[in-house]
PDB file of N, CA and C in Angstrom:
ATOM      1  N   ALA A   1       0.860  -1.148   0.005  1.00  0.00           N
ATOM      2  CA  ALA A   1      -0.010  -0.002  -0.008  1.00  0.00           C
ATOM      3  C   ALA A   1       0.878   1.252   0.026  1.00  0.00           C
ATOM      4  N   LEU A   2       0.459   2.202  -0.678  1.00  0.00           N
ATOM      5  CA  LEU A   2       1.168   3.517  -0.738  1.00  0.00           C
ATOM      6  C   LEU A   2       0.264   4.581  -0.146  1.00  0.00           C
ATOM      7  N   ASN A   3       0.704   5.241   0.852  1.00  0.00           N
ATOM      8  CA  ASN A   3      -0.028   6.247   1.468  1.00  0.00           C
ATOM      9  C   ASN A   3       0.535   7.643   1.154  1.00  0.00           C
ATOM     10  N   PRO A   4      -0.060   8.449   0.298  1.00  0.00           N
ATOM     11  CA  PRO A   4       0.510   9.663  -0.209  1.00  0.00           C
ATOM     12  C   PRO A   4       0.650  10.788   0.950  1.00  0.00           C
ATOM     13  N   ARG A   5      -0.047  10.606   2.040  1.00  0.00           N
ATOM     14  CA  ARG A   5       0.005  11.564   3.186  1.00  0.00           C
ATOM     15  C   ARG A   5       0.834  11.022   4.315  1.00  0.00           C
ATOM     16  N   GLY A   6       1.396   9.820   4.128  1.00  0.00           N
ATOM     17  CA  GLY A   6       2.262   9.271   5.227  1.00  0.00           C
ATOM     18  C   GLY A   6       1.459   8.426   6.215  1.00  0.00           C
ATOM     19  N   ASP A   7       2.243   7.753   7.016  1.00  0.00           N
ATOM     20  CA  ASP A   7       1.714   7.015   8.150  1.00  0.00           C
ATOM     21  C   ASP A   7       1.370   7.971   9.381  1.00  0.00           C
ATOM     22  N   ASN A   8       0.495   7.588  10.208  1.00  0.00           N
ATOM     23  CA  ASN A   8       0.181   8.539  11.356  1.00  0.00           C
ATOM     24  C   ASN A   8       1.325   8.644  12.289  1.00  0.00           C
ATOM     25  N   ARG A   9       2.326   7.683  12.184  1.00  0.00           N
ATOM     26  CA  ARG A   9       3.507   7.875  13.016  1.00  0.00           C
ATOM     27  C   ARG A   9       4.665   8.441  12.319  1.00  0.00           C
ATOM     28  N   SER A  10       4.440   9.040  11.086  1.00  0.00           N
ATOM     29  CA  SER A  10       5.498   9.679  10.322  1.00  0.00           C
ATOM     30  C   SER A  10       5.852  10.963  10.941  1.00  0.00           C
ATOM     31  N   SER A  11       6.934  11.612  10.353  1.00  0.00           N
ATOM     32  CA  SER A  11       7.388  12.874  10.831  1.00  0.00           C
ATOM     33  C   SER A  11       6.253  13.817  10.961  1.00  0.00           C
ATOM     34  N   LYS A  12       6.241  14.657  11.969  1.00  0.00           N
ATOM     35  CA  LYS A  12       5.176  15.641  12.144  1.00  0.00           C
ATOM     36  C   LYS A  12       5.542  17.008  11.477  1.00  0.00           C
ATOM     37  N   THR A  13       6.754  17.159  11.088  1.00  0.00           N
ATOM     38  CA  THR A  13       7.254  18.417  10.503  1.00  0.00           C
ATOM     39  C   THR A  13       7.220  18.368   8.976  1.00  0.00           C
ATOM     40  N   THR A  14       7.367  17.244   8.376  1.00  0.00           N
ATOM     41  CA  THR A  14       7.425  17.076   6.999  1.00  0.00           C
ATOM     42  C   THR A  14       6.471  16.021   6.477  1.00  0.00           C
ATOM     43  N   GLU A  15       5.728  16.253   5.433  1.00  0.00           N
ATOM     44  CA  GLU A  15       4.846  15.220   4.906  1.00  0.00           C
ATOM     45  C   GLU A  15       5.648  14.227   4.074  1.00  0.00           C
ATOM     46  N   PHE A  16       5.425  12.945   4.394  1.00  0.00           N
ATOM     47  CA  PHE A  16       6.134  11.873   3.688  1.00  0.00           C
ATOM     48  C   PHE A  16       5.158  10.927   3.046  1.00  0.00           C
ATOM     49  N   ILE A  17       5.611  10.252   2.011  1.00  0.00           N
ATOM     50  CA  ILE A  17       4.878   9.158   1.395  1.00  0.00           C
ATOM     51  C   ILE A  17       5.302   7.893   2.112  1.00  0.00           C
ATOM     52  N   SER A  18       4.385   7.155   2.558  1.00  0.00           N
ATOM     53  CA  SER A  18       4.594   5.867   3.241  1.00  0.00           C
ATOM     54  C   SER A  18       4.298   4.706   2.394  1.00  0.00           C
ATOM     55  N   ILE A  19       5.038   3.655   2.478  1.00  0.00           N
ATOM     56  CA  ILE A  19       4.878   2.401   1.813  1.00  0.00           C
ATOM     57  C   ILE A  19       4.743   1.263   2.678  1.00  0.00           C
ATOM     58  N   SER A  20       3.842   0.360   2.513  1.00  0.00           N
ATOM     59  CA  SER A  20       3.778  -0.773   3.399  1.00  0.00           C
ATOM     60  C   SER A  20       3.533  -2.032   2.519  1.00  0.00           C
ATOM     61  N   LEU A  21       4.187  -3.131   2.811  1.00  0.00           N
ATOM     62  CA  LEU A  21       4.012  -4.479   2.166  1.00  0.00           C
ATOM     63  C   LEU A  21       3.687  -5.500   3.193  1.00  0.00           C
ATOM     64  N   PHE A  22       2.604  -6.210   3.059  1.00  0.00           N
ATOM     65  CA  PHE A  22       2.234  -7.258   3.983  1.00  0.00           C
ATOM     66  C   PHE A  22       1.877  -8.520   3.278  1.00  0.00           C
ATOM     67  N   LYS A  23       2.152  -9.683   3.841  1.00  0.00           N
ATOM     68  CA  LYS A  23       1.797 -10.892   3.159  1.00  0.00           C
ATOM     69  C   LYS A  23       0.549 -11.410   3.805  1.00  0.00           C
ATOM     70  N   GLU A  24      -0.184 -12.188   3.031  1.00  0.00           N
ATOM     71  CA  GLU A  24      -1.429 -12.749   3.533  1.00  0.00           C
ATOM     72  C   GLU A  24      -1.250 -14.113   4.293  1.00  0.00           C
ATOM     73  N   SER A  25      -0.235 -14.855   3.930  1.00  0.00           N
ATOM     74  CA  SER A  25      -0.027 -16.135   4.536  1.00  0.00           C
ATOM     75  C   SER A  25       0.522 -15.972   6.019  1.00  0.00           C
ATOM     76  N   LYS A  26       0.086 -16.909   6.811  1.00  0.00           N
ATOM     77  CA  LYS A  26       0.638 -16.938   8.216  1.00  0.00           C
ATOM     78  C   LYS A  26       1.984 -17.647   8.291  1.00  0.00           C
ATOM     79  N   GLU A  27       2.356 -18.291   7.214  1.00  0.00           N
ATOM     80  CA  GLU A  27       3.645 -19.057   7.165  1.00  0.00           C
ATOM     81  C   GLU A  27       4.763 -18.067   7.150  1.00  0.00           C
ATOM     82  N   THR A  28       5.796 -18.433   7.859  1.00  0.00           N
ATOM     83  CA  THR A  28       7.012 -17.677   7.917  1.00  0.00           C
ATOM     84  C   THR A  28       7.790 -17.857   6.682  1.00  0.00           C
ATOM     85  N   ILE A  29       8.212 -16.859   6.038  1.00  0.00           N
ATOM     86  CA  ILE A  29       8.978 -16.981   4.836  1.00  0.00           C
ATOM     87  C   ILE A  29      10.173 -15.923   4.870  1.00  0.00           C
ATOM     88  N   ASP A  30      11.220 -16.282   4.209  1.00  0.00           N
ATOM     89  CA  ASP A  30      12.329 -15.279   4.079  1.00  0.00           C
ATOM     90  C   ASP A  30      12.243 -14.571   2.686  1.00  0.00           C
ATOM     91  N   VAL A  31      12.234 -13.324   2.837  1.00  0.00           N
ATOM     92  CA  VAL A  31      12.079 -12.464   1.588  1.00  0.00           C
ATOM     93  C   VAL A  31      13.185 -11.471   1.512  1.00  0.00           C
ATOM     94  N   VAL A  32      13.713 -11.322   0.321  1.00  0.00           N
ATOM     95  CA  VAL A  32      14.645 -10.283   0.060  1.00  0.00           C
ATOM     96  C   VAL A  32      13.945  -9.375  -1.000  1.00  0.00           C
ATOM     97  N   LEU A  33      13.825  -8.090  -0.699  1.00  0.00           N
ATOM     98  CA  LEU A  33      13.187  -7.200  -1.640  1.00  0.00           C
ATOM     99  C   LEU A  33      13.984  -5.941  -1.843  1.00  0.00           C
ATOM    100  N   THR A  34      13.828  -5.404  -3.052  1.00  0.00           N
ATOM    101  CA  THR A  34      14.420  -4.195  -3.390  1.00  0.00           C
ATOM    102  C   THR A  34      13.403  -3.209  -3.859  1.00  0.00           C
ATOM    103  N   MET A  35      13.292  -1.992  -3.344  1.00  0.00           N
ATOM    104  CA  MET A  35      12.379  -1.000  -3.741  1.00  0.00           C
ATOM    105  C   MET A  35      13.085   0.187  -4.380  1.00  0.00           C
ATOM    106  N   ARG A  36      12.538   0.743  -5.373  1.00  0.00           N
ATOM    107  CA  ARG A  36      13.067   1.909  -5.970  1.00  0.00           C
ATOM    108  C   ARG A  36      12.040   2.766  -6.741  1.00  0.00           C
ATOM    109  N   ILE A  37      12.294   4.024  -6.887  1.00  0.00           N
ATOM    110  CA  ILE A  37      11.485   4.862  -7.667  1.00  0.00           C
ATOM    111  C   ILE A  37      12.247   5.202  -8.922  1.00  0.00           C
ATOM    112  N   PRO A  38      11.759   4.965 -10.130  1.00  0.00           N
ATOM    113  CA  PRO A  38      12.447   5.267 -11.358  1.00  0.00           C
ATOM    114  C   PRO A  38      12.729   6.808 -11.337  1.00  0.00           C
ATOM    115  N   ASN A  39      13.714   7.247 -12.100  1.00  0.00           N
ATOM    116  CA  ASN A  39      14.178   8.549 -12.206  1.00  0.00           C
ATOM    117  C   ASN A  39      14.671   9.101 -10.863  1.00  0.00           C
ATOM    118  N   HIS A  40      14.965   8.255  -9.937  1.00  0.00           N
ATOM    119  CA  HIS A  40      15.498   8.624  -8.632  1.00  0.00           C
ATOM    120  C   HIS A  40      17.030   8.304  -8.622  1.00  0.00           C
ATOM    121  N   SER A  41      17.789   9.103  -8.003  1.00  0.00           N
ATOM    122  CA  SER A  41      19.231   8.947  -7.999  1.00  0.00           C
ATOM    123  C   SER A  41      19.600   7.585  -7.377  1.00  0.00           C
ATOM    124  N   SER A  42      18.827   7.111  -6.407  1.00  0.00           N
ATOM    125  CA  SER A  42      19.065   5.912  -5.707  1.00  0.00           C
ATOM    126  C   SER A  42      18.751   4.745  -6.513  1.00  0.00           C
ATOM    127  N   THR A  43      19.588   3.601  -6.486  1.00  0.00           N
ATOM    128  CA  THR A  43      19.312   2.444  -7.258  1.00  0.00           C
ATOM    129  C   THR A  43      18.333   1.494  -6.482  1.00  0.00           C
ATOM    130  N   GLY A  44      18.026   1.846  -5.294  1.00  0.00           N
ATOM    131  CA  GLY A  44      17.015   1.025  -4.452  1.00  0.00           C
ATOM    132  C   GLY A  44      17.790   0.453  -3.308  1.00  0.00           C
ATOM    133  N   GLU A  45      17.006   0.136  -2.339  1.00  0.00           N
ATOM    134  CA  GLU A  45      17.561  -0.525  -1.160  1.00  0.00           C
ATOM    135  C   GLU A  45      17.079  -1.916  -1.011  1.00  0.00           C
ATOM    136  N   GLN A  46      17.914  -2.799  -0.419  1.00  0.00           N
ATOM    137  CA  GLN A  46      17.544  -4.175  -0.299  1.00  0.00           C
ATOM    138  C   GLN A  46      17.284  -4.419   1.152  1.00  0.00           C
ATOM    139  N   TYR A  47      16.167  -5.207   1.374  1.00  0.00           N
ATOM    140  CA  TYR A  47      15.722  -5.562   2.745  1.00  0.00           C
ATOM    141  C   TYR A  47      15.537  -7.052   2.818  1.00  0.00           C
ATOM    142  N   LYS A  48      15.884  -7.686   3.928  1.00  0.00           N
ATOM    143  CA  LYS A  48      15.633  -9.046   4.186  1.00  0.00           C
ATOM    144  C   LYS A  48      14.638  -9.152   5.356  1.00  0.00           C
ATOM    145  N   HIS A  49      13.615  -9.892   5.207  1.00  0.00           N
ATOM    146  CA  HIS A  49      12.552  -9.951   6.208  1.00  0.00           C
ATOM    147  C   HIS A  49      11.840 -11.267   6.268  1.00  0.00           C
ATOM    148  N   THR A  50      11.341 -11.595   7.492  1.00  0.00           N
ATOM    149  CA  THR A  50      10.689 -12.763   7.694  1.00  0.00           C
ATOM    150  C   THR A  50       9.305 -12.579   8.361  1.00  0.00           C
ATOM    151  N   ASN A  51       9.000 -11.491   8.900  1.00  0.00           N
ATOM    152  CA  ASN A  51       7.708 -11.213   9.600  1.00  0.00           C
ATOM    153  C   ASN A  51       6.574 -10.945   8.628  1.00  0.00           C
ATOM    154  N   ALA A  52       5.438 -10.525   9.210  1.00  0.00           N
ATOM    155  CA  ALA A  52       4.238 -10.378   8.465  1.00  0.00           C
ATOM    156  C   ALA A  52       4.312  -9.246   7.446  1.00  0.00           C
ATOM    157  N   GLY A  53       5.017  -8.184   7.673  1.00  0.00           N
ATOM    158  CA  GLY A  53       5.096  -7.111   6.748  1.00  0.00           C
ATOM    159  C   GLY A  53       6.118  -6.066   7.059  1.00  0.00           C
ATOM    160  N   LEU A  54       6.225  -5.179   6.274  1.00  0.00           N
ATOM    161  CA  LEU A  54       7.230  -4.031   6.306  1.00  0.00           C
ATOM    162  C   LEU A  54       6.539  -2.714   6.141  1.00  0.00           C
ATOM    163  N   LEU A  55       6.946  -1.734   6.860  1.00  0.00           N
ATOM    164  CA  LEU A  55       6.433  -0.360   6.752  1.00  0.00           C
ATOM    165  C   LEU A  55       7.539   0.640   6.657  1.00  0.00           C
ATOM    166  N   TRP A  56       7.558   1.440   5.637  1.00  0.00           N
ATOM    167  CA  TRP A  56       8.474   2.558   5.478  1.00  0.00           C
ATOM    168  C   TRP A  56       7.654   3.805   5.721  1.00  0.00           C
ATOM    169  N   ARG A  57       7.710   4.304   6.893  1.00  0.00           N
ATOM    170  CA  ARG A  57       6.904   5.522   7.341  1.00  0.00           C
ATOM    171  C   ARG A  57       7.289   6.751   6.496  1.00  0.00           C
ATOM    172  N   ASP A  58       8.599   6.954   6.383  1.00  0.00           N
ATOM    173  CA  ASP A  58       9.064   8.179   5.700  1.00  0.00           C
ATOM    174  C   ASP A  58       9.880   7.788   4.428  1.00  0.00           C
ATOM    175  N   TYR A  59       9.215   7.142   3.513  1.00  0.00           N
ATOM    176  CA  TYR A  59       9.979   6.604   2.368  1.00  0.00           C
ATOM    177  C   TYR A  59      10.592   7.715   1.547  1.00  0.00           C
ATOM    178  N   ILE A  60       9.776   8.704   1.175  1.00  0.00           N
ATOM    179  CA  ILE A  60      10.244   9.833   0.421  1.00  0.00           C
ATOM    180  C   ILE A  60       9.396  11.056   0.770  1.00  0.00           C
ATOM    181  N   SER A  61       9.902  12.278   0.833  1.00  0.00           N
ATOM    182  CA  SER A  61       9.163  13.412   1.150  1.00  0.00           C
ATOM    183  C   SER A  61       8.163  13.697   0.046  1.00  0.00           C
ATOM    184  N   ARG A  62       6.965  14.109   0.418  1.00  0.00           N
ATOM    185  CA  ARG A  62       5.912  14.507  -0.523  1.00  0.00           C
ATOM    186  C   ARG A  62       6.359  15.654  -1.460  1.00  0.00           C
ATOM    187  N   ASP A  63       7.056  16.650  -0.818  1.00  0.00           N
ATOM    188  CA  ASP A  63       7.489  17.848  -1.631  1.00  0.00           C
ATOM    189  C   ASP A  63       8.499  17.378  -2.659  1.00  0.00           C
ATOM    190  N   ARG A  64       9.365  16.506  -2.332  1.00  0.00           N
ATOM    191  CA  ARG A  64      10.372  16.029  -3.316  1.00  0.00           C
ATOM    192  C   ARG A  64       9.607  15.374  -4.485  1.00  0.00           C
ATOM    193  N   VAL A  65       8.602  14.567  -4.249  1.00  0.00           N
ATOM    194  CA  VAL A  65       7.866  13.927  -5.359  1.00  0.00           C
ATOM    195  C   VAL A  65       7.157  14.889  -6.142  1.00  0.00           C
ATOM    196  N   LEU A  66       6.488  15.885  -5.515  1.00  0.00           N
ATOM    197  CA  LEU A  66       5.751  16.840  -6.312  1.00  0.00           C
ATOM    198  C   LEU A  66       6.600  17.912  -7.018  1.00  0.00           C
ATOM    199  N   ASN A  67       7.851  17.970  -6.662  1.00  0.00           N
ATOM    200  CA  ASN A  67       8.742  18.924  -7.314  1.00  0.00           C
ATOM    201  C   ASN A  67       8.945  18.498  -8.791  1.00  0.00           C
ATOM    202  N   ASN A  68       8.562  19.337  -9.744  1.00  0.00           N
ATOM    203  CA  ASN A  68       8.547  18.983 -11.205  1.00  0.00           C
ATOM    204  C   ASN A  68       9.993  18.629 -11.642  1.00  0.00           C
ATOM    205  N   SER A  69      11.018  19.254 -11.043  1.00  0.00           N
ATOM    206  CA  SER A  69      12.399  18.984 -11.474  1.00  0.00           C
ATOM    207  C   SER A  69      12.866  17.589 -11.115  1.00  0.00           C
ATOM    208  N   SER A  70      12.255  16.973 -10.129  1.00  0.00           N
ATOM    209  CA  SER A  70      12.645  15.626  -9.703  1.00  0.00           C
ATOM    210  C   SER A  70      12.318  14.516 -10.704  1.00  0.00           C
ATOM    211  N   LYS A  71      11.277  14.774 -11.478  1.00  0.00           N
ATOM    212  CA  LYS A  71      10.761  13.899 -12.443  1.00  0.00           C
ATOM    213  C   LYS A  71      10.371  12.461 -11.867  1.00  0.00           C
ATOM    214  N   HIS A  72       9.877  12.505 -10.570  1.00  0.00           N
ATOM    215  CA  HIS A  72       9.382  11.345  -9.981  1.00  0.00           C
ATOM    216  C   HIS A  72       7.996  10.935 -10.511  1.00  0.00           C
ATOM    217  N   LEU A  73       7.247  11.947 -10.870  1.00  0.00           N
ATOM    218  CA  LEU A  73       5.909  11.746 -11.366  1.00  0.00           C
ATOM    219  C   LEU A  73       5.951  11.629 -12.904  1.00  0.00           C
ATOM    220  N   VAL A  74       5.311  10.651 -13.464  1.00  0.00           N
ATOM    221  CA  VAL A  74       5.206  10.538 -14.901  1.00  0.00           C
ATOM    222  C   VAL A  74       3.747  10.584 -15.249  1.00  0.00           C
ATOM    223  N   ASN A  75       3.294  11.679 -15.930  1.00  0.00           N
ATOM    224  CA  ASN A  75       1.884  11.932 -16.256  1.00  0.00           C
ATOM    225  C   ASN A  75       1.070  11.909 -14.861  1.00  0.00           C
ATOM    226  N   GLY A  76       1.644  12.486 -13.792  1.00  0.00           N
ATOM    227  CA  GLY A  76       0.935  12.549 -12.570  1.00  0.00           C
ATOM    228  C   GLY A  76       0.963  11.307 -11.707  1.00  0.00           C
ATOM    229  N   THR A  77       1.693  10.238 -12.157  1.00  0.00           N
ATOM    230  CA  THR A  77       1.738   8.917 -11.429  1.00  0.00           C
ATOM    231  C   THR A  77       3.051   8.700 -10.916  1.00  0.00           C
ATOM    232  N   LEU A  78       3.083   8.304  -9.585  1.00  0.00           N
ATOM    233  CA  LEU A  78       4.303   7.825  -8.953  1.00  0.00           C
ATOM    234  C   LEU A  78       4.438   6.366  -9.053  1.00  0.00           C
ATOM    235  N   THR A  79       5.534   5.893  -9.641  1.00  0.00           N
ATOM    236  CA  THR A  79       5.676   4.455  -9.813  1.00  0.00           C
ATOM    237  C   THR A  79       6.788   3.985  -8.783  1.00  0.00           C
ATOM    238  N   VAL A  80       6.469   3.010  -8.030  1.00  0.00           N
ATOM    239  CA  VAL A  80       7.434   2.381  -7.177  1.00  0.00           C
ATOM    240  C   VAL A  80       7.663   0.935  -7.682  1.00  0.00           C
ATOM    241  N   GLU A  81       8.879   0.594  -7.935  1.00  0.00           N
ATOM    242  CA  GLU A  81       9.186  -0.806  -8.413  1.00  0.00           C
ATOM    243  C   GLU A  81       9.725  -1.608  -7.241  1.00  0.00           C
ATOM    244  N   VAL A  82       9.159  -2.804  -7.142  1.00  0.00           N
ATOM    245  CA  VAL A  82       9.575  -3.712  -6.106  1.00  0.00           C
ATOM    246  C   VAL A  82       9.984  -5.052  -6.733  1.00  0.00           C
ATOM    247  N   ASP A  83      11.191  -5.470  -6.399  1.00  0.00           N
ATOM    248  CA  ASP A  83      11.623  -6.809  -6.849  1.00  0.00           C
ATOM    249  C   ASP A  83      11.568  -7.698  -5.548  1.00  0.00           C
ATOM    250  N   ILE A  84      10.793  -8.744  -5.608  1.00  0.00           N
ATOM    251  CA  ILE A  84      10.614  -9.663  -4.433  1.00  0.00           C
ATOM    252  C   ILE A  84      11.273 -11.035  -4.730  1.00  0.00           C
ATOM    253  N   GLN A  85      12.083 -11.551  -3.854  1.00  0.00           N
ATOM    254  CA  GLN A  85      12.704 -12.792  -4.045  1.00  0.00           C
ATOM    255  C   GLN A  85      12.438 -13.647  -2.732  1.00  0.00           C
ATOM    256  N   VAL A  86      11.675 -14.674  -2.898  1.00  0.00           N
ATOM    257  CA  VAL A  86      11.333 -15.537  -1.744  1.00  0.00           C
ATOM    258  C   VAL A  86      12.460 -16.643  -1.614  1.00  0.00           C
ATOM    259  N   GLU A  87      13.092 -16.664  -0.477  1.00  0.00           N
ATOM    260  CA  GLU A  87      14.106 -17.629  -0.243  1.00  0.00           C
ATOM    261  C   GLU A  87      13.497 -18.896   0.367  1.00  0.00           C
ATOM    262  N   LEU A  88      13.602 -19.984  -0.425  1.00  0.00           N
ATOM    263  CA  LEU A  88      12.980 -21.281   0.066  1.00  0.00           C
ATOM    264  C   LEU A  88      14.040 -22.048   0.875  1.00  0.00           C
ATOM    265  N   ASN A  89      13.554 -22.612   1.975  1.00  0.00           N
ATOM    266  CA  ASN A  89      14.410 -23.519   2.721  1.00  0.00           C
ATOM    267  C   ASN A  89      14.271 -24.961   2.158  1.00  0.00           C
ATOM    268  N   VAL A  90      15.058 -25.185   1.152  1.00  0.00           N
ATOM    269  CA  VAL A  90      14.962 -26.439   0.417  1.00  0.00           C
ATOM    270  C   VAL A  90      15.917 -27.437   1.047  1.00  0.00           C
ATOM    271  N   VAL A  91      15.456 -28.585   1.417  1.00  0.00           N
ATOM    272  CA  VAL A  91      16.250 -29.659   2.015  1.00  0.00           C
ATOM    273  C   VAL A  91      16.707 -30.515   0.796  1.00  0.00           C
ATOM    274  N   THR A  92      18.011 -30.688   0.641  1.00  0.00           N
ATOM    275  CA  THR A  92      18.511 -31.401  -0.423  1.00  0.00           C
ATOM    276  C   THR A  92      18.844 -32.852   0.081  1.00  0.00           C
ATOM    277  N   TRP A  93      18.339 -33.833  -0.606  1.00  0.00           N
ATOM    278  CA  TRP A  93      18.538 -35.166  -0.224  1.00  0.00           C
ATOM    279  C   TRP A  93      19.650 -35.746  -1.027  1.00  0.00           C
ATOM    280  N   SER A  94      20.576 -36.519  -0.357  1.00  0.00           N
ATOM    281  CA  SER A  94      21.615 -37.245  -1.108  1.00  0.00           C
ATOM    282  C   SER A  94      21.747 -38.583  -0.382  1.00  0.00           C
ATOM    283  N   PRO A  95      22.030 -39.572  -1.149  1.00  0.00           N
ATOM    284  CA  PRO A  95      22.171 -40.927  -0.602  1.00  0.00           C
ATOM    285  C   PRO A  95      23.370 -40.988   0.394  1.00  0.00           C
ATOM    286  N   LYS A  96      23.279 -41.791   1.352  1.00  0.00           N
ATOM    287  CA  LYS A  96      24.350 -41.984   2.290  1.00  0.00           C
ATOM    288  C   LYS A  96      25.515 -42.741   1.571  1.00  0.00           C
ATOM    289  N   ASN A  97      26.723 -42.335   1.919  1.00  0.00           N
ATOM    290  CA  ASN A  97      27.919 -43.028   1.394  1.00  0.00           C
ATOM    291  C   ASN A  97      28.264 -44.290   2.214  1.00  0.00           C
ATOM    292  N   THR A  98      27.991 -45.434   1.628  1.00  0.00           N
ATOM    293  CA  THR A  98      28.242 -46.698   2.369  1.00  0.00           C
ATOM    294  C   THR A  98      29.451 -47.476   1.892  1.00  0.00           C
ATOM    295  N   VAL A  99      30.331 -46.850   1.108  1.00  0.00           N
ATOM    296  CA  VAL A  99      31.535 -47.547   0.544  1.00  0.00           C
ATOM    297  C   VAL A  99      32.332 -48.102   1.670  1.00  0.00           C
ATOM    298  N   CYS A 100      32.672 -47.359   2.689  1.00  0.00           N
ATOM    299  CA  CYS A 100      33.537 -47.860   3.769  1.00  0.00           C
ATOM    300  C   CYS A 100      32.943 -49.074   4.432  1.00  0.00           C
ATOM    301  N   LYS A 101      31.646 -49.016   4.801  1.00  0.00           N
ATOM    302  CA  LYS A 101      30.985 -50.090   5.440  1.00  0.00           C
ATOM    303  C   LYS A 101      30.949 -51.327   4.570  1.00  0.00           C
ATOM    304  N   ASP A 102      30.642 -51.098   3.264  1.00  0.00           N
ATOM    305  CA  ASP A 102      30.592 -52.252   2.361  1.00  0.00           C
ATOM    306  C   ASP A 102      31.917 -52.900   2.176  1.00  0.00           C
ATOM    307  N   MET A 103      32.970 -52.108   2.160  1.00  0.00           N
ATOM    308  CA  MET A 103      34.398 -52.638   1.947  1.00  0.00           C
ATOM    309  C   MET A 103      34.729 -53.426   3.211  1.00  0.00           C
ATOM    310  N   LEU A 104      34.402 -52.923   4.406  1.00  0.00           N
ATOM    311  CA  LEU A 104      34.670 -53.599   5.640  1.00  0.00           C
ATOM    312  C   LEU A 104      33.950 -54.968   5.730  1.00  0.00           C
ATOM    313  N   LYS A 105      32.772 -54.923   5.315  1.00  0.00           N
ATOM    314  CA  LYS A 105      31.956 -56.105   5.262  1.00  0.00           C
ATOM    315  C   LYS A 105      32.577 -57.203   4.293  1.00  0.00           C
ATOM    316  N   MET A 106      33.097 -56.743   3.186  1.00  0.00           N
ATOM    317  CA  MET A 106      33.764 -57.700   2.197  1.00  0.00           C
ATOM    318  C   MET A 106      34.979 -58.245   2.871  1.00  0.00           C
ATOM    319  N   PHE A 107      35.758 -57.441   3.518  1.00  0.00           N
ATOM    320  CA  PHE A 107      36.996 -57.914   4.107  1.00  0.00           C
ATOM    321  C   PHE A 107      36.688 -58.936   5.238  1.00  0.00           C
ATOM    322  N   GLU A 108      35.694 -58.670   6.026  1.00  0.00           N
ATOM    323  CA  GLU A 108      35.314 -59.582   7.092  1.00  0.00           C
ATOM    324  C   GLU A 108      34.768 -60.848   6.487  1.00  0.00           C
ATOM    325  N   THR A 109      34.017 -60.794   5.463  1.00  0.00           N
ATOM    326  CA  THR A 109      33.483 -61.959   4.788  1.00  0.00           C
ATOM    327  C   THR A 109      34.587 -62.829   4.236  1.00  0.00           C
ATOM    328  N   ALA A 110      35.547 -62.143   3.540  1.00  0.00           N
ATOM    329  CA  ALA A 110      36.693 -62.790   2.966  1.00  0.00           C
ATOM    330  C   ALA A 110      37.520 -63.469   4.000  1.00  0.00           C
ATOM    331  N   GLN A 111      37.723 -62.918   5.214  1.00  0.00           N
ATOM    332  CA  GLN A 111      38.480 -63.540   6.290  1.00  0.00           C
ATOM    333  C   GLN A 111      37.755 -64.798   6.804  1.00  0.00           C
ATOM    334  N   ASP A 112      36.459 -64.697   6.909  1.00  0.00           N
ATOM    335  CA  ASP A 112      35.684 -65.893   7.322  1.00  0.00           C
ATOM    336  C   ASP A 112      35.805 -67.084   6.396  1.00  0.00           C
ATOM    337  N   THR A 113      35.847 -66.860   5.099  1.00  0.00           N
ATOM    338  CA  THR A 113      35.851 -67.901   4.141  1.00  0.00           C
ATOM    339  C   THR A 113      37.256 -68.474   3.946  1.00  0.00           C
ATOM    340  N   ASN A 114      38.285 -67.709   4.230  1.00  0.00           N
ATOM    341  CA  ASN A 114      39.719 -68.110   4.018  1.00  0.00           C
ATOM    342  C   ASN A 114      40.275 -68.764   5.254  1.00  0.00           C
ATOM    343  N   ALA A 115      39.538 -68.789   6.353  1.00  0.00           N
ATOM    344  CA  ALA A 115      40.148 -69.382   7.549  1.00  0.00           C
ATOM    345  C   ALA A 115      40.091 -70.842   7.461  1.00  0.00           C
ATOM    346  N   ASP A 116      41.210 -71.475   7.115  1.00  0.00           N
ATOM    347  CA  ASP A 116      41.327 -72.969   7.014  1.00  0.00           C
ATOM    348  C   ASP A 116      42.159 -73.529   8.147  1.00  0.00           C
TER     349      ASP A 116
END
């Protein structure tokens, strides 16, 4: 959600645009996300998060966005790009290495058969 007048806990001296992202699932997930505003000098910031959501109370000042020279607005629209990467906890299965046990068993078997 993008709040053009800011969050109620934002700065009281300057109006900011607030951005919040929340997930619907109750499942805990690891997320890496990058947010950026096109035509902004910043390339974006990366965040790693596992909780229900994120809130940027003072993401960018409203005056800065409305300033025509900043070129943040395109045809009166502010675009915020978000790249989201969900990190999966994938368990990789691999077979157990039994070569040593198998070789020991072969040697023990060979000893038993050669005992004359």
